[in-house]
Amino acid sequence: MYIFSLAFLVLIIFSNFALAKPQIKLIHKRGQDNKAMIQIKNESNYLLNCYVAIDGHKKHFKLKPHRLSKSFKATHSKFNSNHFSVSCDYA
């Protein structure tokens, strides 16, 4: 009985952590000048505070529910989708 209660408690604690993460979708593409680009789609019902960073340049913005952000372009064609750093959190 004690083991079952402990397992249930652990399950509840870890399931709450999974629900706390905003639902976003990253869209990677290449522009006409062969530079990497990224867009973020907010798939949640909440306003999000987001940032996109690449090569030391960081842009902060707010993303409305079920909307796409503007496209952010890399500064040089040598960068690819792995060089972008993206983070969003609830506002």
Protein backbone atom coordinates (compact mmCIF):
# COMPACT_ATOMS: atom_id res chain seq x y z
CA MET A 1 0.00 0.00 0.00
CA TYR A 2 2.81 2.40 0.92
CA ILE A 3 4.65 1.74 -2.37
CA PHE A 4 1.46 2.34 -4.37
CA SER A 5 0.86 5.67 -2.60
CA LEU A 6 4.46 6.75 -3.15
CA ALA A 7 4.32 5.83 -6.85
CA PHE A 8 1.06 7.73 -7.27
CA LEU A 9 2.54 10.83 -5.61
CA VAL A 10 5.62 10.73 -7.85
CA LEU A 11 3.41 10.33 -10.93
CA ILE A 12 1.33 13.39 -9.99
CA ILE A 13 4.42 15.53 -9.37
CA PHE A 14 6.08 14.67 -12.69
CA SER A 15 2.89 15.00 -14.72
CA ASN A 16 2.50 18.61 -13.54
CA PHE A 17 5.97 19.45 -14.86
CA ALA A 18 5.01 18.19 -18.30
CA LEU A 19 1.90 20.38 -18.40
CA ALA A 20 3.77 23.56 -17.44
CA LYS A 21 5.70 23.79 -20.73
CA PRO A 22 4.22 26.11 -23.40
CA GLN A 23 3.11 24.45 -26.62
CA ILE A 24 5.15 25.93 -29.46
CA LYS A 25 6.14 24.71 -32.90
CA LEU A 26 9.39 25.77 -34.58
CA ILE A 27 9.37 26.28 -38.35
CA HIS A 28 12.81 26.29 -40.01
CA LYS A 29 13.46 27.38 -43.59
CA ARG A 30 16.02 29.05 -45.86
CA GLY A 31 15.59 32.51 -47.39
CA GLN A 32 16.33 33.67 -50.94
CA ASP A 33 19.90 34.54 -49.90
CA ASN A 34 20.40 31.02 -48.43
CA LYS A 35 20.34 32.29 -44.83
CA ALA A 36 18.61 30.19 -42.17
CA MET A 37 15.27 31.49 -40.94
CA ILE A 38 13.00 30.50 -38.07
CA GLN A 39 9.38 31.17 -37.10
CA ILE A 40 7.60 30.23 -33.88
CA LYS A 41 3.96 29.18 -33.73
CA ASN A 42 2.10 29.49 -30.44
CA GLU A 43 -0.20 26.47 -30.21
CA SER A 44 -1.53 27.34 -26.75
CA ASN A 45 -4.38 29.61 -25.62
CA TYR A 46 -2.05 31.91 -23.68
CA LEU A 47 0.13 34.93 -24.40
CA LEU A 48 3.81 33.96 -24.43
CA ASN A 49 7.03 35.90 -23.81
CA CYS A 50 9.61 34.57 -26.26
CA TYR A 51 13.11 35.21 -27.44
CA VAL A 52 15.17 34.09 -30.41
CA ALA A 53 18.96 34.28 -30.30
CA ILE A 54 21.64 33.58 -32.88
CA ASP A 55 25.27 34.69 -33.02
CA GLY A 56 24.92 36.93 -29.96
CA HIS A 57 21.86 38.77 -31.29
CA LYS A 58 18.80 38.32 -29.06
CA LYS A 59 15.26 39.45 -29.90
CA HIS A 60 12.48 39.52 -27.28
CA PHE A 61 8.82 39.61 -28.27
CA LYS A 62 5.31 38.63 -27.16
CA LEU A 63 3.46 35.96 -29.09
CA LYS A 64 -0.34 35.94 -29.09
CA PRO A 65 -2.35 32.70 -28.87
CA HIS A 66 -2.49 30.57 -32.06
CA ARG A 67 -0.29 33.02 -34.01
CA LEU A 68 2.97 32.85 -35.95
CA SER A 69 5.88 35.11 -35.12
CA LYS A 70 7.67 37.07 -37.80
CA SER A 71 10.58 35.32 -39.49
CA PHE A 72 13.96 35.77 -37.87
CA LYS A 73 16.94 35.49 -40.21
CA ALA A 74 20.51 34.46 -39.40
CA THR A 75 23.28 37.00 -39.99
CA HIS A 76 25.35 34.70 -42.22
CA SER A 77 24.67 31.78 -44.55
CA LYS A 78 27.02 29.48 -42.57
CA PHE A 79 24.43 29.24 -39.75
CA ASN A 80 21.79 26.51 -39.81
CA SER A 81 18.70 25.66 -37.76
CA ASN A 82 20.80 24.19 -34.94
CA HIS A 83 22.43 27.55 -34.24
CA PHE A 84 19.15 29.21 -33.17
CA SER A 85 18.27 29.38 -29.49
CA VAL A 86 14.53 29.74 -28.79
CA SER A 87 12.72 30.04 -25.49
CA CYS A 88 9.10 30.84 -24.64
CA ASP A 89 7.34 31.12 -21.30
CA TYR A 90 3.89 32.18 -20.15
CA ALA A 91 3.41 35.96 -19.81
